[in-house]
Amino acid sequence: MGIVLMQNGRPIAFFSKQFTQKLQRASTYVRKLHAMTTTVCKWWQYLLDHQFTILTYHHSLEDLMTQVI
């Protein structure tokens, strides 16, 4: 997975990590969700007390906040 932290349209940090064997076999939905949670956990100190937007190209995650698990 590769993630870019941007501010005002400019990249300020980049993070890259290889998926584990188990995540490589998981669905695209699970891998994208894992990437998002990893990103928030890694950069929480930058995101705390600020409004932020997560951009993804995966359409099944667009309604993530309205889903009941």
PDB file of N, CA and C in Angstrom:
ATOM      1  N   MET A   1       0.843  -1.158   0.000  1.00  0.00           N
ATOM      2  CA  MET A   1       0.000   0.000   0.000  1.00  0.00           C
ATOM      3  C   MET A   1       0.894   1.228   0.000  1.00  0.00           C
ATOM      4  N   GLY A   2       0.415   2.263  -0.627  1.00  0.00           N
ATOM      5  CA  GLY A   2       1.126   3.523  -0.658  1.00  0.00           C
ATOM      6  C   GLY A   2       0.151   4.644  -0.339  1.00  0.00           C
ATOM      7  N   ILE A   3       0.535   5.524   0.567  1.00  0.00           N
ATOM      8  CA  ILE A   3      -0.364   6.567   1.040  1.00  0.00           C
ATOM      9  C   ILE A   3       0.386   7.893   1.043  1.00  0.00           C
ATOM     10  N   VAL A   4      -0.296   8.947   0.611  1.00  0.00           N
ATOM     11  CA  VAL A   4       0.280  10.285   0.589  1.00  0.00           C
ATOM     12  C   VAL A   4      -0.558  11.194   1.473  1.00  0.00           C
ATOM     13  N   LEU A   5       0.091  11.909   2.371  1.00  0.00           N
ATOM     14  CA  LEU A   5      -0.562  12.920   3.196  1.00  0.00           C
ATOM     15  C   LEU A   5      -0.344  14.258   2.506  1.00  0.00           C
ATOM     16  N   MET A   6      -1.457  14.934   2.174  1.00  0.00           N
ATOM     17  CA  MET A   6      -1.369  16.181   1.432  1.00  0.00           C
ATOM     18  C   MET A   6      -2.000  17.320   2.215  1.00  0.00           C
ATOM     19  N   GLN A   7      -1.481  18.525   2.000  1.00  0.00           N
ATOM     20  CA  GLN A   7      -2.047  19.725   2.596  1.00  0.00           C
ATOM     21  C   GLN A   7      -2.020  20.816   1.540  1.00  0.00           C
ATOM     22  N   ASN A   8      -3.179  21.426   1.309  1.00  0.00           N
ATOM     23  CA  ASN A   8      -3.321  22.468   0.285  1.00  0.00           C
ATOM     24  C   ASN A   8      -2.856  21.988  -1.092  1.00  0.00           C
ATOM     25  N   GLY A   9      -3.143  20.739  -1.410  1.00  0.00           N
ATOM     26  CA  GLY A   9      -2.806  20.186  -2.716  1.00  0.00           C
ATOM     27  C   GLY A   9      -1.354  19.790  -2.892  1.00  0.00           C
ATOM     28  N   ARG A  10      -0.575  19.855  -1.845  1.00  0.00           N
ATOM     29  CA  ARG A  10       0.844  19.496  -1.914  1.00  0.00           C
ATOM     30  C   ARG A  10       1.149  18.318  -0.984  1.00  0.00           C
ATOM     31  N   PRO A  11       1.931  17.367  -1.468  1.00  0.00           N
ATOM     32  CA  PRO A  11       2.292  16.238  -0.608  1.00  0.00           C
ATOM     33  C   PRO A  11       3.256  16.681   0.488  1.00  0.00           C
ATOM     34  N   ILE A  12       2.976  16.235   1.719  1.00  0.00           N
ATOM     35  CA  ILE A  12       3.874  16.568   2.835  1.00  0.00           C
ATOM     36  C   ILE A  12       4.482  15.319   3.474  1.00  0.00           C
ATOM     37  N   ALA A  13       3.905  14.155   3.200  1.00  0.00           N
ATOM     38  CA  ALA A  13       4.457  12.907   3.741  1.00  0.00           C
ATOM     39  C   ALA A  13       3.985  11.744   2.884  1.00  0.00           C
ATOM     40  N   PHE A  14       4.799  10.697   2.833  1.00  0.00           N
ATOM     41  CA  PHE A  14       4.471   9.497   2.076  1.00  0.00           C
ATOM     42  C   PHE A  14       4.765   8.290   2.948  1.00  0.00           C
ATOM     43  N   PHE A  15       3.901   7.296   2.844  1.00  0.00           N
ATOM     44  CA  PHE A  15       4.064   6.069   3.616  1.00  0.00           C
ATOM     45  C   PHE A  15       3.806   4.881   2.697  1.00  0.00           C
ATOM     46  N   SER A  16       4.685   3.901   2.745  1.00  0.00           N
ATOM     47  CA  SER A  16       4.535   2.711   1.919  1.00  0.00           C
ATOM     48  C   SER A  16       4.813   1.481   2.771  1.00  0.00           C
ATOM     49  N   LYS A  17       4.003   0.461   2.573  1.00  0.00           N
ATOM     50  CA  LYS A  17       4.165  -0.768   3.355  1.00  0.00           C
ATOM     51  C   LYS A  17       3.618  -1.931   2.541  1.00  0.00           C
ATOM     52  N   GLN A  18       4.304  -3.053   2.591  1.00  0.00           N
ATOM     53  CA  GLN A  18       3.839  -4.232   1.881  1.00  0.00           C
ATOM     54  C   GLN A  18       2.780  -4.945   2.718  1.00  0.00           C
ATOM     55  N   PHE A  19       1.732  -5.434   2.055  1.00  0.00           N
ATOM     56  CA  PHE A  19       0.696  -6.190   2.749  1.00  0.00           C
ATOM     57  C   PHE A  19       1.242  -7.538   3.198  1.00  0.00           C
ATOM     58  N   THR A  20       0.735  -8.030   4.305  1.00  0.00           N
ATOM     59  CA  THR A  20       1.091  -9.367   4.770  1.00  0.00           C
ATOM     60  C   THR A  20       0.464 -10.403   3.835  1.00  0.00           C
ATOM     61  N   GLN A  21       0.881 -11.648   3.968  1.00  0.00           N
ATOM     62  CA  GLN A  21       0.332 -12.730   3.141  1.00  0.00           C
ATOM     63  C   GLN A  21      -1.183 -12.819   3.299  1.00  0.00           C
ATOM     64  N   LYS A  22      -1.651 -12.685   4.536  1.00  0.00           N
ATOM     65  CA  LYS A  22      -3.083 -12.789   4.801  1.00  0.00           C
ATOM     66  C   LYS A  22      -3.846 -11.650   4.118  1.00  0.00           C
ATOM     67  N   LEU A  23      -3.323 -10.432   4.194  1.00  0.00           N
ATOM     68  CA  LEU A  23      -3.997  -9.298   3.558  1.00  0.00           C
ATOM     69  C   LEU A  23      -3.910  -9.365   2.032  1.00  0.00           C
ATOM     70  N   GLN A  24      -2.861  -9.966   1.498  1.00  0.00           N
ATOM     71  CA  GLN A  24      -2.747 -10.116   0.042  1.00  0.00           C
ATOM     72  C   GLN A  24      -3.868 -11.000  -0.503  1.00  0.00           C
ATOM     73  N   ARG A  25      -4.329 -11.942   0.299  1.00  0.00           N
ATOM     74  CA  ARG A  25      -5.410 -12.835  -0.122  1.00  0.00           C
ATOM     75  C   ARG A  25      -6.794 -12.249   0.172  1.00  0.00           C
ATOM     76  N   ALA A  26      -6.847 -11.179   0.938  1.00  0.00           N
ATOM     77  CA  ALA A  26      -8.131 -10.578   1.320  1.00  0.00           C
ATOM     78  C   ALA A  26      -8.731  -9.807   0.143  1.00  0.00           C
ATOM     79  N   SER A  27      -9.995  -9.449   0.292  1.00  0.00           N
ATOM     80  CA  SER A  27     -10.688  -8.712  -0.765  1.00  0.00           C
ATOM     81  C   SER A  27     -10.139  -7.292  -0.875  1.00  0.00           C
ATOM     82  N   THR A  28     -10.411  -6.670  -2.003  1.00  0.00           N
ATOM     83  CA  THR A  28      -9.979  -5.290  -2.222  1.00  0.00           C
ATOM     84  C   THR A  28     -10.587  -4.377  -1.177  1.00  0.00           C
ATOM     85  N   TYR A  29     -11.827  -4.628  -0.816  1.00  0.00           N
ATOM     86  CA  TYR A  29     -12.518  -3.841   0.207  1.00  0.00           C
ATOM     87  C   TYR A  29     -11.734  -3.869   1.520  1.00  0.00           C
ATOM     88  N   VAL A  30     -11.335  -5.046   1.948  1.00  0.00           N
ATOM     89  CA  VAL A  30     -10.616  -5.204   3.215  1.00  0.00           C
ATOM     90  C   VAL A  30      -9.250  -4.536   3.136  1.00  0.00           C
ATOM     91  N   ARG A  31      -8.550  -4.680   2.021  1.00  0.00           N
ATOM     92  CA  ARG A  31      -7.226  -4.062   1.867  1.00  0.00           C
ATOM     93  C   ARG A  31      -7.320  -2.539   1.897  1.00  0.00           C
ATOM     94  N   LYS A  32      -8.305  -1.967   1.224  1.00  0.00           N
ATOM     95  CA  LYS A  32      -8.482  -0.513   1.226  1.00  0.00           C
ATOM     96  C   LYS A  32      -8.849  -0.014   2.621  1.00  0.00           C
ATOM     97  N   LEU A  33      -9.732  -0.730   3.294  1.00  0.00           N
ATOM     98  CA  LEU A  33     -10.117  -0.357   4.654  1.00  0.00           C
ATOM     99  C   LEU A  33      -8.914  -0.426   5.590  1.00  0.00           C
ATOM    100  N   HIS A  34      -8.084  -1.452   5.438  1.00  0.00           N
ATOM    101  CA  HIS A  34      -6.865  -1.582   6.244  1.00  0.00           C
ATOM    102  C   HIS A  34      -5.916  -0.414   5.972  1.00  0.00           C
ATOM    103  N   ALA A  35      -5.783  -0.029   4.718  1.00  0.00           N
ATOM    104  CA  ALA A  35      -4.905   1.094   4.367  1.00  0.00           C
ATOM    105  C   ALA A  35      -5.397   2.389   5.015  1.00  0.00           C
ATOM    106  N   MET A  36      -6.712   2.594   5.022  1.00  0.00           N
ATOM    107  CA  MET A  36      -7.259   3.811   5.627  1.00  0.00           C
ATOM    108  C   MET A  36      -7.040   3.841   7.137  1.00  0.00           C
ATOM    109  N   THR A  37      -7.299   2.736   7.808  1.00  0.00           N
ATOM    110  CA  THR A  37      -7.126   2.718   9.262  1.00  0.00           C
ATOM    111  C   THR A  37      -5.648   2.825   9.637  1.00  0.00           C
ATOM    112  N   THR A  38      -4.771   2.203   8.853  1.00  0.00           N
ATOM    113  CA  THR A  38      -3.336   2.309   9.099  1.00  0.00           C
ATOM    114  C   THR A  38      -2.877   3.755   8.948  1.00  0.00           C
ATOM    115  N   THR A  39      -3.404   4.432   7.945  1.00  0.00           N
ATOM    116  CA  THR A  39      -3.046   5.830   7.702  1.00  0.00           C
ATOM    117  C   THR A  39      -3.450   6.720   8.866  1.00  0.00           C
ATOM    118  N   VAL A  40      -4.679   6.572   9.327  1.00  0.00           N
ATOM    119  CA  VAL A  40      -5.155   7.400  10.440  1.00  0.00           C
ATOM    120  C   VAL A  40      -4.354   7.095  11.707  1.00  0.00           C
ATOM    121  N   CYS A  41      -4.030   5.840  11.936  1.00  0.00           N
ATOM    122  CA  CYS A  41      -3.236   5.479  13.118  1.00  0.00           C
ATOM    123  C   CYS A  41      -1.805   6.022  13.019  1.00  0.00           C
ATOM    124  N   LYS A  42      -1.226   6.006  11.831  1.00  0.00           N
ATOM    125  CA  LYS A  42       0.149   6.468  11.653  1.00  0.00           C
ATOM    126  C   LYS A  42       0.258   7.979  11.797  1.00  0.00           C
ATOM    127  N   TRP A  43      -0.692   8.726  11.232  1.00  0.00           N
ATOM    128  CA  TRP A  43      -0.595  10.186  11.201  1.00  0.00           C
ATOM    129  C   TRP A  43      -1.632  10.856  12.096  1.00  0.00           C
ATOM    130  N   TRP A  44      -2.063  10.196  13.161  1.00  0.00           N
ATOM    131  CA  TRP A  44      -3.099  10.750  14.018  1.00  0.00           C
ATOM    132  C   TRP A  44      -2.703  12.101  14.596  1.00  0.00           C
ATOM    133  N   GLN A  45      -1.417  12.298  14.902  1.00  0.00           N
ATOM    134  CA  GLN A  45      -0.986  13.559  15.505  1.00  0.00           C
ATOM    135  C   GLN A  45      -1.147  14.742  14.548  1.00  0.00           C
ATOM    136  N   TYR A  46      -1.085  14.493  13.233  1.00  0.00           N
ATOM    137  CA  TYR A  46      -1.315  15.559  12.254  1.00  0.00           C
ATOM    138  C   TYR A  46      -2.811  15.802  12.036  1.00  0.00           C
ATOM    139  N   LEU A  47      -3.598  14.765  12.190  1.00  0.00           N
ATOM    140  CA  LEU A  47      -5.022  14.842  11.885  1.00  0.00           C
ATOM    141  C   LEU A  47      -5.871  15.267  13.074  1.00  0.00           C
ATOM    142  N   LEU A  48      -5.352  15.124  14.272  1.00  0.00           N
ATOM    143  CA  LEU A  48      -6.096  15.447  15.483  1.00  0.00           C
ATOM    144  C   LEU A  48      -6.517  16.917  15.480  1.00  0.00           C
ATOM    145  N   ASP A  49      -7.763  17.171  15.796  1.00  0.00           N
ATOM    146  CA  ASP A  49      -8.336  18.521  15.852  1.00  0.00           C
ATOM    147  C   ASP A  49      -8.374  19.238  14.508  1.00  0.00           C
ATOM    148  N   HIS A  50      -8.271  18.492  13.413  1.00  0.00           N
ATOM    149  CA  HIS A  50      -8.381  19.069  12.082  1.00  0.00           C
ATOM    150  C   HIS A  50      -9.382  18.254  11.271  1.00  0.00           C
ATOM    151  N   GLN A  51     -10.099  18.945  10.413  1.00  0.00           N
ATOM    152  CA  GLN A  51     -10.988  18.236   9.498  1.00  0.00           C
ATOM    153  C   GLN A  51     -10.133  17.695   8.357  1.00  0.00           C
ATOM    154  N   PHE A  52     -10.367  16.432   7.971  1.00  0.00           N
ATOM    155  CA  PHE A  52      -9.594  15.852   6.872  1.00  0.00           C
ATOM    156  C   PHE A  52     -10.497  15.012   5.989  1.00  0.00           C
ATOM    157  N   THR A  53     -10.036  14.787   4.779  1.00  0.00           N
ATOM    158  CA  THR A  53     -10.778  14.016   3.789  1.00  0.00           C
ATOM    159  C   THR A  53      -9.916  12.856   3.335  1.00  0.00           C
ATOM    160  N   ILE A  54     -10.523  11.674   3.260  1.00  0.00           N
ATOM    161  CA  ILE A  54      -9.844  10.498   2.728  1.00  0.00           C
ATOM    162  C   ILE A  54     -10.356  10.284   1.313  1.00  0.00           C
ATOM    163  N   LEU A  55      -9.443  10.290   0.352  1.00  0.00           N
ATOM    164  CA  LEU A  55      -9.807  10.070  -1.045  1.00  0.00           C
ATOM    165  C   LEU A  55      -9.422   8.649  -1.439  1.00  0.00           C
ATOM    166  N   THR A  56     -10.345   7.954  -2.089  1.00  0.00           N
ATOM    167  CA  THR A  56     -10.093   6.613  -2.586  1.00  0.00           C
ATOM    168  C   THR A  56     -10.813   6.438  -3.905  1.00  0.00           C
ATOM    169  N   TYR A  57     -10.313   5.528  -4.713  1.00  0.00           N
ATOM    170  CA  TYR A  57     -10.923   5.257  -6.002  1.00  0.00           C
ATOM    171  C   TYR A  57     -11.815   4.021  -5.951  1.00  0.00           C
ATOM    172  N   HIS A  58     -11.998   3.460  -4.780  1.00  0.00           N
ATOM    173  CA  HIS A  58     -12.778   2.236  -4.636  1.00  0.00           C
ATOM    174  C   HIS A  58     -14.223   2.610  -4.322  1.00  0.00           C
ATOM    175  N   HIS A  59     -15.143   2.347  -5.235  1.00  0.00           N
ATOM    176  CA  HIS A  59     -16.531   2.790  -5.105  1.00  0.00           C
ATOM    177  C   HIS A  59     -17.289   2.130  -3.953  1.00  0.00           C
ATOM    178  N   SER A  60     -16.941   0.914  -3.572  1.00  0.00           N
ATOM    179  CA  SER A  60     -17.677   0.264  -2.487  1.00  0.00           C
ATOM    180  C   SER A  60     -17.391   0.910  -1.137  1.00  0.00           C
ATOM    181  N   LEU A  61     -16.333   1.718  -1.038  1.00  0.00           N
ATOM    182  CA  LEU A  61     -16.007   2.381   0.221  1.00  0.00           C
ATOM    183  C   LEU A  61     -16.623   3.771   0.336  1.00  0.00           C
ATOM    184  N   GLU A  62     -17.290   4.239  -0.709  1.00  0.00           N
ATOM    185  CA  GLU A  62     -17.875   5.573  -0.675  1.00  0.00           C
ATOM    186  C   GLU A  62     -18.935   5.700   0.413  1.00  0.00           C
ATOM    187  N   ASP A  63     -19.659   4.639   0.689  1.00  0.00           N
ATOM    188  CA  ASP A  63     -20.714   4.661   1.697  1.00  0.00           C
ATOM    189  C   ASP A  63     -20.267   4.020   3.003  1.00  0.00           C
ATOM    190  N   LEU A  64     -18.982   4.047   3.272  1.00  0.00           N
ATOM    191  CA  LEU A  64     -18.418   3.380   4.447  1.00  0.00           C
ATOM    192  C   LEU A  64     -19.039   3.883   5.751  1.00  0.00           C
ATOM    193  N   MET A  65     -19.226   5.189   5.880  1.00  0.00           N
ATOM    194  CA  MET A  65     -19.731   5.738   7.129  1.00  0.00           C
ATOM    195  C   MET A  65     -21.209   5.434   7.364  1.00  0.00           C
ATOM    196  N   THR A  66     -21.929   5.013   6.340  1.00  0.00           N
ATOM    197  CA  THR A  66     -23.355   4.710   6.505  1.00  0.00           C
ATOM    198  C   THR A  66     -23.619   3.212   6.665  1.00  0.00           C
ATOM    199  N   GLN A  67     -22.582   2.393   6.585  1.00  0.00           N
ATOM    200  CA  GLN A  67     -22.761   0.952   6.675  1.00  0.00           C
ATOM    201  C   GLN A  67     -22.818   0.511   8.136  1.00  0.00           C
ATOM    202  N   VAL A  68     -23.614  -0.500   8.380  1.00  0.00           N
ATOM    203  CA  VAL A  68     -23.705  -1.107   9.708  1.00  0.00           C
ATOM    204  C   VAL A  68     -23.014  -2.469   9.644  1.00  0.00           C
ATOM    205  N   ILE A  69     -22.045  -2.659  10.531  1.00  0.00           N
ATOM    206  CA  ILE A  69     -21.298  -3.924  10.534  1.00  0.00           C
ATOM    207  C   ILE A  69     -21.697  -4.728  11.749  1.00  0.00           C
TER     208      ILE A  69
END
